Amino acid sequence: MFLGEYQHSVDEKGRIVMPSKFRERLESGAVVTKGQERCLYVFPADRWEDEVARINRLPRTNRTNRNFARAFFGGASDLAMDKQGRLPIPQPLRTYAGLEKDVVVVGVSDRLEIWDATSWQSLSSQADELYAGIEEALSEEGI
């Protein structure tokens, strides 16, 4: 399970150091793709297969589903960490997420998210404000 948030930076070759506590889980490879709100999702290779199956269950007759799948899979790259625990993030994905220098790697249960540090700070502040209300709404729905 991925938990916590970690400050890192993009080096001159477009690589981002993965937090040491997550490296073992990513040793067999990772898939990086476009995430929601202009972040990147990082799935361990074994978890990626589950995500593929989930998206493939969506009806292809629905235009929204097709467009989602195109963006999700079309933007994806399977990657391997180097010996220093860095993932080389392709330029199109860095551009999509606005990753230039300072980034935040966030553990979100079954995946990591990579955020531009300024974008993360803004989103995180908004989410913190809504957190109590969201929890209350979830508990009312029996989730």
Protein backbone atom coordinates (compact mmCIF):
# COMPACT_ATOMS: atom_id res chain seq x y z
CA MET A 1 0.00 0.00 0.00
CA PHE A 2 1.24 3.48 -0.86
CA LEU A 3 0.83 6.17 1.81
CA GLY A 4 2.19 9.65 2.47
CA GLU A 5 3.56 12.53 0.46
CA TYR A 6 7.18 13.18 -0.46
CA GLN A 7 8.92 16.24 -1.90
CA HIS A 8 11.22 15.57 -4.84
CA SER A 9 12.40 17.26 -8.01
CA VAL A 10 12.71 16.48 -11.69
CA ASP A 11 16.33 16.23 -12.76
CA GLU A 12 17.73 17.55 -16.06
CA LYS A 13 17.00 14.20 -17.75
CA GLY A 14 13.35 14.14 -16.68
CA ARG A 15 13.82 11.57 -13.92
CA ILE A 16 12.06 11.60 -10.55
CA VAL A 17 13.37 9.76 -7.51
CA MET A 18 10.80 7.40 -6.06
CA PRO A 19 10.57 7.39 -2.27
CA SER A 20 12.75 4.58 -0.90
CA LYS A 21 9.85 2.92 0.92
CA PHE A 22 8.05 2.40 -2.43
CA ARG A 23 10.94 1.14 -4.53
CA GLU A 24 10.57 -2.55 -3.76
CA ARG A 25 6.95 -2.43 -4.94
CA LEU A 26 8.09 -0.81 -8.22
CA GLU A 27 11.11 -3.06 -8.88
CA SER A 28 9.22 -5.27 -11.33
CA GLY A 29 8.28 -2.19 -13.36
CA ALA A 30 5.69 0.53 -13.40
CA VAL A 31 3.24 2.13 -15.77
CA VAL A 32 2.88 5.89 -15.70
CA THR A 33 -0.10 7.57 -17.32
CA LYS A 34 -2.23 10.70 -17.23
CA GLY A 35 -4.17 11.12 -14.01
CA GLN A 36 -7.13 13.29 -13.10
CA GLU A 37 -6.61 16.98 -12.27
CA ARG A 38 -3.35 17.03 -14.28
CA CYS A 39 -1.27 14.70 -12.15
CA LEU A 40 0.39 11.45 -13.21
CA TYR A 41 -0.65 8.03 -11.98
CA VAL A 42 2.08 5.46 -11.30
CA PHE A 43 0.87 1.87 -11.12
CA PRO A 44 3.10 -1.05 -10.15
CA ALA A 45 3.20 -3.48 -13.08
CA ASP A 46 1.01 -6.06 -11.31
CA ARG A 47 -1.58 -3.47 -10.29
CA TRP A 48 -1.69 -2.08 -13.85
CA GLU A 49 -3.29 -5.32 -15.06
CA ASP A 50 -6.19 -4.80 -12.64
CA GLU A 51 -6.66 -1.25 -13.92
CA VAL A 52 -6.64 -2.44 -17.54
CA ALA A 53 -9.33 -5.01 -16.72
CA ARG A 54 -11.45 -2.39 -14.94
CA ILE A 55 -11.34 0.02 -17.87
CA ASN A 56 -11.91 -2.74 -20.41
CA ARG A 57 -15.21 -3.52 -18.65
CA LEU A 58 -16.54 -0.06 -19.55
CA PRO A 59 -18.93 -0.17 -22.52
CA ARG A 60 -17.10 0.85 -25.69
CA THR A 61 -20.37 2.09 -27.16
CA ASN A 62 -20.16 5.11 -24.84
CA ARG A 63 -18.16 8.01 -26.33
CA THR A 64 -17.01 9.27 -22.93
CA ASN A 65 -15.61 5.82 -22.09
CA ARG A 66 -13.80 5.61 -25.43
CA ASN A 67 -12.25 9.05 -24.99
CA PHE A 68 -11.21 8.24 -21.44
CA ALA A 69 -9.56 4.99 -22.57
CA ARG A 70 -7.76 6.79 -25.41
CA ALA A 71 -6.27 9.39 -23.06
CA PHE A 72 -5.49 6.86 -20.33
CA PHE A 73 -3.84 4.20 -22.50
CA GLY A 74 -2.51 6.49 -25.22
CA GLY A 75 -0.59 8.52 -22.65
CA ALA A 76 0.75 5.49 -20.78
CA SER A 77 4.39 4.39 -20.66
CA ASP A 78 5.79 1.26 -19.07
CA LEU A 79 8.96 2.23 -17.25
CA ALA A 80 11.71 0.77 -15.13
CA MET A 81 13.53 2.47 -12.27
CA ASP A 82 17.26 2.86 -12.52
CA LYS A 83 19.63 1.69 -9.76
CA GLN A 84 19.18 4.99 -7.91
CA GLY A 85 15.39 4.55 -7.75
CA ARG A 86 14.59 7.15 -10.42
CA LEU A 87 11.77 6.84 -12.93
CA PRO A 88 12.40 8.48 -16.32
CA ILE A 89 9.17 10.36 -17.04
CA PRO A 90 8.58 10.95 -20.79
CA GLN A 91 8.36 14.58 -21.87
CA PRO A 92 4.68 14.41 -23.00
CA LEU A 93 3.66 13.20 -19.55
CA ARG A 94 5.77 15.86 -17.81
CA THR A 95 4.13 18.48 -20.02
CA TYR A 96 0.62 17.16 -19.29
CA ALA A 97 1.21 17.39 -15.52
CA GLY A 98 3.23 20.62 -15.64
CA LEU A 99 6.27 18.95 -14.06
CA GLU A 100 9.27 21.22 -14.38
CA LYS A 101 11.23 21.20 -11.13
CA ASP A 102 9.60 20.65 -7.74
CA VAL A 103 7.19 17.73 -7.49
CA VAL A 104 5.28 15.84 -4.83
CA VAL A 105 4.94 12.06 -4.94
CA VAL A 106 1.75 11.06 -3.14
CA GLY A 107 0.80 7.55 -2.03
CA VAL A 108 -2.86 6.90 -2.81
CA SER A 109 -3.48 3.34 -1.64
CA ASP A 110 -2.90 1.22 -4.77
CA ARG A 111 -1.03 3.81 -6.85
CA LEU A 112 1.26 6.79 -6.64
CA GLU A 113 0.43 10.22 -7.97
CA ILE A 114 3.07 12.69 -9.12
CA TRP A 115 2.09 16.35 -8.86
CA ASP A 116 3.67 19.67 -9.65
CA ALA A 117 4.38 20.97 -6.13
CA THR A 118 2.37 24.20 -6.56
CA SER A 119 -0.62 22.35 -8.01
CA TRP A 120 -0.48 19.82 -5.18
CA GLN A 121 -0.37 22.53 -2.55
CA SER A 122 -3.45 24.20 -4.03
CA LEU A 123 -5.41 20.97 -4.42
CA SER A 124 -4.36 19.68 -1.02
CA SER A 125 -5.53 22.88 0.68
CA GLN A 126 -8.93 22.63 -1.03
CA ALA A 127 -9.23 18.94 -0.18
CA ASP A 128 -8.37 19.57 3.46
CA GLU A 129 -11.22 22.08 3.65
CA LEU A 130 -13.68 19.56 2.20
CA TYR A 131 -12.38 16.48 4.01
CA ALA A 132 -14.69 16.54 7.05
CA GLY A 133 -17.78 17.08 4.92
CA ILE A 134 -16.79 14.33 2.50
CA GLU A 135 -16.28 11.84 5.32
CA GLU A 136 -19.69 12.72 6.74
CA ALA A 137 -21.35 12.26 3.34
CA LEU A 138 -19.61 8.91 2.82
CA SER A 139 -20.69 7.62 6.21
CA GLU A 140 -24.31 8.63 5.47
CA GLU A 141 -24.17 6.55 2.29
CA GLY A 142 -22.89 3.55 4.21
CA ILE A 143 -19.49 3.53 2.53
